[in-house]
Amino acid sequence: MTALFRKFIWLLRRRSKEAELEEELRFHLDEEAEERRATGLSAEEAYRAARRELGNVALLKEDTRAAWSWMRGEQLARDVRNAVRIILKRDIRVNVVILCTIALGISANTFMFSIVNAMLLKFPMQDPERLVLIHETHSPDVSASVSPGASLKSYNGQAHRRG
């Protein structure tokens, strides 16, 4: 099983995997406490000693999650959820202004693309093969096109019609 596949499974079964992790840590803690009780410590002292031996449980959980999942993706998703929650808790007027701003931006972008698409990308021409390219050459290293042209051949700074 590859690491990518394991991480994907972790995302799909996150709650059950979290419960398994919690159960496993609890099992190890109980086993360690049982060993301490067998040496003659009281139940409370054995549990404390087992906790010291096992270490910080929250840190162990965090390290395990980091190994099993995509931490940056999860943190980004958590941050987005918190941001949306904060925005939605604001006054309804703020939400309306935000939505109108987004709608205006999207519509302006769509309008501009429609204009560019109609005027430049699909330019209606009667005779497109008659377009001419004018090309300047200042030196062997520097040359520039001074007019737009389509499917033309340019030789040594001279403009030629195709065909």
N, C-alpha and C. Protein backbone atom coordinates (compact mmCIF):
# COMPACT_ATOMS: atom_id res chain seq x y z
N MET A 1 0.85 -1.18 0.00
CA MET A 1 0.00 0.00 0.00
C MET A 1 0.90 1.24 0.00
N THR A 2 0.68 2.13 -0.92
CA THR A 2 1.51 3.32 -1.02
C THR A 2 1.08 4.37 -0.01
N ALA A 3 1.97 5.32 0.22
CA ALA A 3 1.67 6.38 1.18
C ALA A 3 0.50 7.23 0.70
N LEU A 4 0.43 7.48 -0.60
CA LEU A 4 -0.67 8.28 -1.14
C LEU A 4 -2.01 7.58 -0.92
N PHE A 5 -2.03 6.28 -1.14
CA PHE A 5 -3.26 5.51 -0.94
C PHE A 5 -3.67 5.53 0.53
N ARG A 6 -2.70 5.40 1.43
CA ARG A 6 -2.99 5.44 2.88
C ARG A 6 -3.57 6.80 3.27
N LYS A 7 -3.00 7.86 2.73
CA LYS A 7 -3.50 9.20 3.07
C LYS A 7 -4.91 9.41 2.53
N PHE A 8 -5.18 8.87 1.36
CA PHE A 8 -6.52 9.00 0.80
C PHE A 8 -7.52 8.23 1.66
N ILE A 9 -7.14 7.04 2.09
CA ILE A 9 -8.02 6.25 2.97
C ILE A 9 -8.25 6.99 4.29
N TRP A 10 -7.19 7.64 4.80
CA TRP A 10 -7.32 8.41 6.04
C TRP A 10 -8.38 9.50 5.86
N LEU A 11 -8.38 10.17 4.72
CA LEU A 11 -9.36 11.23 4.49
C LEU A 11 -10.78 10.67 4.42
N LEU A 12 -10.93 9.51 3.78
CA LEU A 12 -12.26 8.93 3.65
C LEU A 12 -12.80 8.39 4.97
N ARG A 13 -11.92 7.82 5.77
CA ARG A 13 -12.34 7.18 7.03
C ARG A 13 -11.75 7.89 8.23
N ARG A 14 -11.75 9.18 8.20
CA ARG A 14 -11.08 9.95 9.25
C ARG A 14 -11.64 9.69 10.63
N ARG A 15 -12.95 9.68 10.79
CA ARG A 15 -13.54 9.48 12.12
C ARG A 15 -13.21 8.11 12.68
N SER A 16 -13.32 7.08 11.88
CA SER A 16 -13.02 5.74 12.38
C SER A 16 -11.52 5.60 12.68
N LYS A 17 -10.67 6.23 11.85
CA LYS A 17 -9.23 6.18 12.10
C LYS A 17 -8.87 6.94 13.37
N GLU A 18 -9.53 8.07 13.61
CA GLU A 18 -9.30 8.83 14.85
C GLU A 18 -9.70 7.99 16.06
N ALA A 19 -10.82 7.29 15.96
CA ALA A 19 -11.27 6.43 17.06
C ALA A 19 -10.27 5.28 17.27
N GLU A 20 -9.77 4.70 16.19
CA GLU A 20 -8.77 3.64 16.31
C GLU A 20 -7.50 4.15 16.98
N LEU A 21 -7.07 5.34 16.61
CA LEU A 21 -5.88 5.93 17.20
C LEU A 21 -6.09 6.16 18.69
N GLU A 22 -7.24 6.71 19.04
CA GLU A 22 -7.55 6.95 20.46
C GLU A 22 -7.57 5.63 21.24
N GLU A 23 -8.18 4.62 20.66
CA GLU A 23 -8.25 3.31 21.32
C GLU A 23 -6.87 2.68 21.48
N GLU A 24 -6.04 2.81 20.47
CA GLU A 24 -4.70 2.24 20.54
C GLU A 24 -3.85 2.93 21.60
N LEU A 25 -3.92 4.26 21.66
CA LEU A 25 -3.17 4.98 22.68
C LEU A 25 -3.67 4.64 24.08
N ARG A 26 -4.97 4.53 24.23
CA ARG A 26 -5.53 4.14 25.51
C ARG A 26 -5.07 2.73 25.91
N PHE A 27 -5.02 1.81 24.93
CA PHE A 27 -4.57 0.45 25.19
C PHE A 27 -3.12 0.45 25.68
N HIS A 28 -2.24 1.19 25.00
CA HIS A 28 -0.84 1.24 25.41
C HIS A 28 -0.69 1.85 26.80
N LEU A 29 -1.48 2.88 27.07
CA LEU A 29 -1.43 3.51 28.38
C LEU A 29 -1.89 2.54 29.46
N ASP A 30 -2.96 1.81 29.20
CA ASP A 30 -3.47 0.82 30.17
C ASP A 30 -2.47 -0.31 30.38
N GLU A 31 -1.84 -0.77 29.30
CA GLU A 31 -0.85 -1.85 29.43
C GLU A 31 0.35 -1.40 30.25
N GLU A 32 0.81 -0.18 30.00
CA GLU A 32 1.94 0.36 30.75
C GLU A 32 1.57 0.54 32.22
N ALA A 33 0.36 1.01 32.47
CA ALA A 33 -0.09 1.16 33.86
C ALA A 33 -0.21 -0.19 34.55
N GLU A 34 -0.66 -1.19 33.82
CA GLU A 34 -0.77 -2.55 34.38
C GLU A 34 0.60 -3.10 34.75
N GLU A 35 1.59 -2.85 33.90
CA GLU A 35 2.95 -3.29 34.22
C GLU A 35 3.46 -2.58 35.47
N ARG A 36 3.15 -1.31 35.61
CA ARG A 36 3.58 -0.55 36.81
C ARG A 36 2.89 -1.07 38.06
N ARG A 37 1.63 -1.42 37.95
CA ARG A 37 0.90 -1.96 39.11
C ARG A 37 1.48 -3.31 39.54
N ALA A 38 1.95 -4.06 38.53
CA ALA A 38 2.53 -5.36 38.84
C ALA A 38 3.84 -5.22 39.62
N THR A 39 4.50 -4.06 39.50
CA THR A 39 5.73 -3.83 40.25
C THR A 39 5.45 -3.34 41.67
N GLY A 40 4.17 -3.11 41.99
CA GLY A 40 3.83 -2.74 43.36
C GLY A 40 3.35 -1.31 43.54
N LEU A 41 3.18 -0.54 42.48
CA LEU A 41 2.69 0.84 42.61
C LEU A 41 1.16 0.82 42.75
N SER A 42 0.63 1.88 43.36
CA SER A 42 -0.83 1.99 43.43
C SER A 42 -1.37 2.32 42.04
N ALA A 43 -2.68 2.19 41.88
CA ALA A 43 -3.30 2.40 40.56
C ALA A 43 -3.05 3.82 40.06
N GLU A 44 -3.18 4.81 40.93
CA GLU A 44 -2.98 6.20 40.52
C GLU A 44 -1.53 6.47 40.18
N GLU A 45 -0.60 5.98 41.01
CA GLU A 45 0.82 6.18 40.73
C GLU A 45 1.24 5.44 39.45
N ALA A 46 0.70 4.24 39.25
CA ALA A 46 1.01 3.47 38.04
C ALA A 46 0.51 4.20 36.80
N TYR A 47 -0.67 4.80 36.87
CA TYR A 47 -1.22 5.53 35.74
C TYR A 47 -0.36 6.76 35.43
N ARG A 48 0.05 7.49 36.48
CA ARG A 48 0.91 8.67 36.29
C ARG A 48 2.25 8.27 35.68
N ALA A 49 2.83 7.17 36.18
CA ALA A 49 4.11 6.71 35.65
C ALA A 49 3.96 6.28 34.18
N ALA A 50 2.84 5.63 33.87
CA ALA A 50 2.59 5.22 32.49
C ALA A 50 2.44 6.43 31.58
N ARG A 51 1.78 7.47 32.05
CA ARG A 51 1.63 8.70 31.26
C ARG A 51 2.98 9.35 31.00
N ARG A 52 3.85 9.35 32.04
CA ARG A 52 5.20 9.91 31.86
C ARG A 52 5.99 9.08 30.85
N GLU A 53 5.85 7.77 30.93
CA GLU A 53 6.58 6.87 30.03
C GLU A 53 6.11 7.03 28.59
N LEU A 54 4.80 7.10 28.40
CA LEU A 54 4.24 7.21 27.05
C LEU A 54 4.52 8.57 26.44
N GLY A 55 4.51 9.62 27.24
CA GLY A 55 4.77 10.97 26.75
C GLY A 55 3.47 11.74 26.56
N ASN A 56 3.57 12.84 25.86
CA ASN A 56 2.43 13.71 25.62
C ASN A 56 1.49 13.05 24.61
N VAL A 57 0.30 12.69 25.06
CA VAL A 57 -0.66 11.97 24.22
C VAL A 57 -1.13 12.87 23.06
N ALA A 58 -1.38 14.14 23.34
CA ALA A 58 -1.83 15.05 22.28
C ALA A 58 -0.76 15.20 21.20
N LEU A 59 0.50 15.26 21.62
CA LEU A 59 1.59 15.36 20.65
C LEU A 59 1.71 14.08 19.83
N LEU A 60 1.52 12.94 20.48
CA LEU A 60 1.54 11.66 19.75
C LEU A 60 0.42 11.61 18.71
N LYS A 61 -0.76 12.07 19.07
CA LYS A 61 -1.88 12.10 18.12
C LYS A 61 -1.56 13.01 16.95
N GLU A 62 -1.02 14.18 17.26
CA GLU A 62 -0.70 15.14 16.20
C GLU A 62 0.36 14.60 15.25
N ASP A 63 1.39 13.96 15.80
CA ASP A 63 2.43 13.38 14.96
C ASP A 63 1.87 12.26 14.09
N THR A 64 0.98 11.45 14.65
CA THR A 64 0.37 10.36 13.89
C THR A 64 -0.49 10.92 12.77
N ARG A 65 -1.28 11.94 13.06
CA ARG A 65 -2.11 12.57 12.02
C ARG A 65 -1.24 13.15 10.91
N ALA A 66 -0.12 13.76 11.29
CA ALA A 66 0.78 14.34 10.29
C ALA A 66 1.36 13.26 9.38
N ALA A 67 1.62 12.09 9.93
CA ALA A 67 2.17 11.00 9.11
C ALA A 67 1.09 10.35 8.25
N TRP A 68 -0.12 10.33 8.72
CA TRP A 68 -1.20 9.62 8.02
C TRP A 68 -1.97 10.48 7.03
N SER A 69 -1.93 11.79 7.18
CA SER A 69 -2.81 12.62 6.37
C SER A 69 -2.04 13.78 5.75
N TRP A 70 -2.77 14.62 5.01
CA TRP A 70 -2.22 15.84 4.42
C TRP A 70 -2.51 16.99 5.36
N MET A 71 -1.55 17.35 6.17
CA MET A 71 -1.77 18.37 7.19
C MET A 71 -2.05 19.74 6.57
N ARG A 72 -1.31 20.10 5.56
CA ARG A 72 -1.51 21.44 4.96
C ARG A 72 -2.89 21.55 4.34
N GLY A 73 -3.33 20.52 3.67
CA GLY A 73 -4.67 20.53 3.08
C GLY A 73 -5.75 20.60 4.14
N GLU A 74 -5.56 19.85 5.21
CA GLU A 74 -6.55 19.88 6.29
C GLU A 74 -6.55 21.23 6.99
N GLN A 75 -5.36 21.81 7.19
CA GLN A 75 -5.31 23.14 7.82
C GLN A 75 -5.95 24.19 6.92
N LEU A 76 -5.72 24.09 5.62
CA LEU A 76 -6.35 25.03 4.69
C LEU A 76 -7.87 24.89 4.72
N ALA A 77 -8.36 23.66 4.71
CA ALA A 77 -9.81 23.44 4.77
C ALA A 77 -10.38 23.97 6.08
N ARG A 78 -9.70 23.75 7.18
CA ARG A 78 -10.16 24.26 8.48
C ARG A 78 -10.18 25.79 8.49
N ASP A 79 -9.13 26.41 7.91
CA ASP A 79 -9.08 27.87 7.85
C ASP A 79 -10.21 28.44 6.98
N VAL A 80 -10.49 27.78 5.86
CA VAL A 80 -11.58 28.24 4.98
C VAL A 80 -12.91 28.11 5.70
N ARG A 81 -13.13 26.98 6.39
CA ARG A 81 -14.38 26.80 7.14
C ARG A 81 -14.53 27.88 8.21
N ASN A 82 -13.46 28.18 8.92
CA ASN A 82 -13.54 29.22 9.95
C ASN A 82 -13.79 30.59 9.34
N ALA A 83 -13.16 30.88 8.21
CA ALA A 83 -13.38 32.18 7.56
C ALA A 83 -14.83 32.32 7.09
N VAL A 84 -15.37 31.26 6.50
CA VAL A 84 -16.76 31.31 6.05
C VAL A 84 -17.69 31.46 7.25
N ARG A 85 -17.42 30.74 8.31
CA ARG A 85 -18.25 30.84 9.51
C ARG A 85 -18.22 32.26 10.08
N ILE A 86 -17.05 32.88 10.11
CA ILE A 86 -16.94 34.25 10.62
C ILE A 86 -17.70 35.22 9.71
N ILE A 87 -17.55 35.04 8.40
CA ILE A 87 -18.23 35.94 7.45
C ILE A 87 -19.74 35.80 7.58
N LEU A 88 -20.23 34.57 7.72
CA LEU A 88 -21.67 34.36 7.80
C LEU A 88 -22.26 34.86 9.11
N LYS A 89 -21.45 35.00 10.13
CA LYS A 89 -21.96 35.52 11.41
C LYS A 89 -22.12 37.03 11.39
N ARG A 90 -21.52 37.68 10.41
CA ARG A 90 -21.64 39.13 10.32
C ARG A 90 -23.07 39.52 9.97
N ASP A 91 -23.25 40.81 9.89
CA ASP A 91 -24.55 41.36 9.52
C ASP A 91 -24.92 40.93 8.10
N ILE A 92 -26.19 40.73 7.84
CA ILE A 92 -26.66 40.28 6.53
C ILE A 92 -26.31 41.29 5.43
N ARG A 93 -26.23 42.56 5.79
CA ARG A 93 -25.89 43.57 4.79
C ARG A 93 -24.46 43.39 4.29
N VAL A 94 -23.56 42.99 5.18
CA VAL A 94 -22.18 42.74 4.76
C VAL A 94 -22.14 41.57 3.79
N ASN A 95 -22.92 40.53 4.07
CA ASN A 95 -22.97 39.38 3.17
C ASN A 95 -23.53 39.76 1.81
N VAL A 96 -24.54 40.60 1.78
CA VAL A 96 -25.13 41.05 0.52
C VAL A 96 -24.11 41.85 -0.29
N VAL A 97 -23.36 42.73 0.39
CA VAL A 97 -22.34 43.53 -0.30
C VAL A 97 -21.25 42.61 -0.86
N ILE A 98 -20.84 41.61 -0.08
CA ILE A 98 -19.81 40.68 -0.55
C ILE A 98 -20.32 39.92 -1.78
N LEU A 99 -21.53 39.39 -1.72
CA LEU A 99 -22.08 38.65 -2.85
C LEU A 99 -22.25 39.52 -4.09
N CYS A 100 -22.70 40.76 -3.89
CA CYS A 100 -22.86 41.67 -5.03
C CYS A 100 -21.51 42.00 -5.65
N THR A 101 -20.50 42.19 -4.83
CA THR A 101 -19.16 42.47 -5.34
C THR A 101 -18.63 41.31 -6.16
N ILE A 102 -18.81 40.10 -5.65
CA ILE A 102 -18.36 38.91 -6.38
C ILE A 102 -19.14 38.78 -7.69
N ALA A 103 -20.46 38.98 -7.65
CA ALA A 103 -21.28 38.87 -8.85
C ALA A 103 -20.88 39.93 -9.88
N LEU A 104 -20.61 41.15 -9.43
CA LEU A 104 -20.19 42.21 -10.33
C LEU A 104 -18.84 41.89 -10.97
N GLY A 105 -17.92 41.36 -10.18
CA GLY A 105 -16.61 40.99 -10.72
C GLY A 105 -16.72 39.89 -11.76
N ILE A 106 -17.53 38.88 -11.48
CA ILE A 106 -17.69 37.78 -12.43
C ILE A 106 -18.37 38.27 -13.70
N SER A 107 -19.40 39.10 -13.56
CA SER A 107 -20.09 39.59 -14.76
C SER A 107 -19.20 40.51 -15.59
N ALA A 108 -18.40 41.35 -14.95
CA ALA A 108 -17.49 42.22 -15.70
C ALA A 108 -16.45 41.40 -16.44
N ASN A 109 -15.94 40.38 -15.78
CA ASN A 109 -14.96 39.51 -16.42
C ASN A 109 -15.57 38.78 -17.62
N THR A 110 -16.78 38.29 -17.45
CA THR A 110 -17.47 37.60 -18.55
C THR A 110 -17.74 38.56 -19.71
N PHE A 111 -18.17 39.77 -19.40
CA PHE A 111 -18.43 40.77 -20.43
C PHE A 111 -17.16 41.09 -21.23
N MET A 112 -16.05 41.32 -20.51
CA MET A 112 -14.80 41.66 -21.19
C MET A 112 -14.32 40.50 -22.07
N PHE A 113 -14.43 39.27 -21.57
CA PHE A 113 -14.02 38.13 -22.39
C PHE A 113 -14.91 38.00 -23.62
N SER A 114 -16.20 38.25 -23.47
CA SER A 114 -17.10 38.16 -24.62
C SER A 114 -16.71 39.18 -25.69
N ILE A 115 -16.37 40.38 -25.27
CA ILE A 115 -15.95 41.42 -26.22
C ILE A 115 -14.66 41.02 -26.91
N VAL A 116 -13.67 40.61 -26.12
CA VAL A 116 -12.38 40.22 -26.70
C VAL A 116 -12.56 39.02 -27.63
N ASN A 117 -13.38 38.07 -27.22
CA ASN A 117 -13.60 36.88 -28.04
C ASN A 117 -14.26 37.25 -29.37
N ALA A 118 -15.25 38.12 -29.32
CA ALA A 118 -15.96 38.49 -30.55
C ALA A 118 -15.11 39.38 -31.46
N MET A 119 -14.34 40.30 -30.87
CA MET A 119 -13.62 41.28 -31.68
C MET A 119 -12.24 40.80 -32.12
N LEU A 120 -11.55 40.10 -31.27
CA LEU A 120 -10.16 39.77 -31.58
C LEU A 120 -9.94 38.30 -31.91
N LEU A 121 -10.52 37.43 -31.14
CA LEU A 121 -10.24 36.01 -31.33
C LEU A 121 -10.98 35.43 -32.52
N LYS A 122 -12.19 35.89 -32.77
CA LYS A 122 -12.97 35.40 -33.91
C LYS A 122 -13.31 36.58 -34.83
N PHE A 123 -12.28 37.24 -35.29
CA PHE A 123 -12.47 38.43 -36.10
C PHE A 123 -13.03 38.04 -37.47
N PRO A 124 -14.22 38.57 -37.80
CA PRO A 124 -14.81 38.20 -39.10
C PRO A 124 -14.11 38.93 -40.24
N MET A 125 -13.57 38.18 -41.17
CA MET A 125 -12.87 38.78 -42.32
C MET A 125 -13.40 38.15 -43.59
N GLN A 126 -13.46 38.96 -44.63
CA GLN A 126 -13.91 38.48 -45.91
C GLN A 126 -12.82 37.68 -46.61
N ASP A 127 -11.60 38.20 -46.60
CA ASP A 127 -10.50 37.61 -47.34
C ASP A 127 -9.27 37.50 -46.43
N PRO A 128 -9.18 36.53 -45.53
CA PRO A 128 -8.08 36.49 -44.57
C PRO A 128 -6.73 36.21 -45.23
N GLU A 129 -6.70 35.62 -46.43
CA GLU A 129 -5.42 35.34 -47.06
C GLU A 129 -4.76 36.60 -47.62
N ARG A 130 -5.47 37.70 -47.64
CA ARG A 130 -4.91 38.96 -48.15
C ARG A 130 -4.25 39.79 -47.06
N LEU A 131 -4.21 39.30 -45.84
CA LEU A 131 -3.53 40.02 -44.76
C LEU A 131 -2.03 40.08 -45.04
N VAL A 132 -1.43 41.19 -44.64
CA VAL A 132 -0.01 41.40 -44.89
C VAL A 132 0.68 41.67 -43.57
N LEU A 133 1.87 41.13 -43.44
CA LEU A 133 2.69 41.37 -42.26
C LEU A 133 3.81 42.32 -42.62
N ILE A 134 3.92 43.42 -41.90
CA ILE A 134 5.01 44.37 -42.11
C ILE A 134 6.01 44.11 -41.01
N HIS A 135 7.25 43.90 -41.39
CA HIS A 135 8.28 43.49 -40.45
C HIS A 135 9.49 44.37 -40.65
N GLU A 136 10.03 44.93 -39.55
CA GLU A 136 11.22 45.77 -39.62
C GLU A 136 12.40 45.01 -39.08
N THR A 137 13.56 45.21 -39.70
CA THR A 137 14.80 44.65 -39.18
C THR A 137 15.79 45.78 -39.03
N HIS A 138 16.20 46.05 -37.78
CA HIS A 138 17.15 47.14 -37.52
C HIS A 138 18.58 46.64 -37.58
N SER A 139 18.79 45.44 -37.14
CA SER A 139 20.10 44.82 -37.18
C SER A 139 19.87 43.31 -37.23
N PRO A 140 20.92 42.53 -37.39
CA PRO A 140 20.69 41.08 -37.45
C PRO A 140 20.07 40.52 -36.16
N ASP A 141 20.28 41.22 -35.03
CA ASP A 141 19.75 40.70 -33.77
C ASP A 141 18.39 41.26 -33.40
N VAL A 142 18.03 42.42 -33.93
CA VAL A 142 16.80 43.09 -33.52
C VAL A 142 15.84 43.16 -34.69
N SER A 143 14.65 42.62 -34.49
CA SER A 143 13.60 42.76 -35.49
C SER A 143 12.27 42.89 -34.77
N ALA A 144 11.30 43.52 -35.40
CA ALA A 144 10.02 43.74 -34.75
C ALA A 144 8.91 43.71 -35.78
N SER A 145 7.79 43.17 -35.39
CA SER A 145 6.60 43.22 -36.23
C SER A 145 5.86 44.50 -35.89
N VAL A 146 5.50 45.26 -36.89
CA VAL A 146 4.81 46.51 -36.65
C VAL A 146 3.34 46.44 -36.99
N SER A 147 2.89 45.34 -37.53
CA SER A 147 1.46 45.18 -37.78
C SER A 147 1.11 43.71 -37.61
N PRO A 148 -0.10 43.45 -37.17
CA PRO A 148 -0.49 42.05 -37.02
C PRO A 148 -0.75 41.43 -38.39
N GLY A 149 -0.42 40.19 -38.53
CA GLY A 149 -0.65 39.48 -39.78
C GLY A 149 -0.87 38.02 -39.50
N ALA A 150 -1.41 37.31 -40.49
CA ALA A 150 -1.69 35.91 -40.27
C ALA A 150 -1.11 35.09 -41.40
N SER A 151 -0.48 34.01 -41.07
CA SER A 151 0.05 33.00 -42.00
C SER A 151 0.82 33.61 -43.17
N LEU A 152 1.82 34.46 -42.83
CA LEU A 152 2.62 35.11 -43.87
C LEU A 152 4.07 34.72 -43.70
N LYS A 153 4.83 34.86 -44.76
CA LYS A 153 6.26 34.61 -44.70
C LYS A 153 6.97 35.94 -44.83
N SER A 154 7.98 36.16 -44.01
CA SER A 154 8.74 37.39 -44.07
C SER A 154 10.20 37.02 -44.28
N TYR A 155 10.84 37.65 -45.27
CA TYR A 155 12.23 37.35 -45.58
C TYR A 155 13.04 38.63 -45.52
N ASN A 156 14.05 38.67 -44.66
CA ASN A 156 15.01 39.75 -44.58
C ASN A 156 14.36 41.14 -44.48
N GLY A 157 13.35 41.28 -43.65
CA GLY A 157 12.74 42.58 -43.44
C GLY A 157 11.78 42.98 -44.52
N GLN A 158 11.59 42.19 -45.54
CA GLN A 158 10.65 42.54 -46.59
C GLN A 158 9.34 41.80 -46.35
N ALA A 159 8.27 42.47 -46.58
CA ALA A 159 6.97 41.87 -46.38
C ALA A 159 6.50 41.25 -47.68
N HIS A 160 5.96 40.06 -47.60
CA HIS A 160 5.47 39.36 -48.77
C HIS A 160 4.06 38.86 -48.48
N ARG A 161 3.26 38.87 -49.52
CA ARG A 161 1.96 38.27 -49.39
C ARG A 161 2.08 36.78 -49.59
N ARG A 162 1.21 36.09 -48.92
CA ARG A 162 1.23 34.64 -49.09
C ARG A 162 0.49 34.30 -50.38
N GLY A 163 1.00 33.33 -51.06
CA GLY A 163 0.31 32.82 -52.23
C GLY A 163 0.77 33.50 -53.44
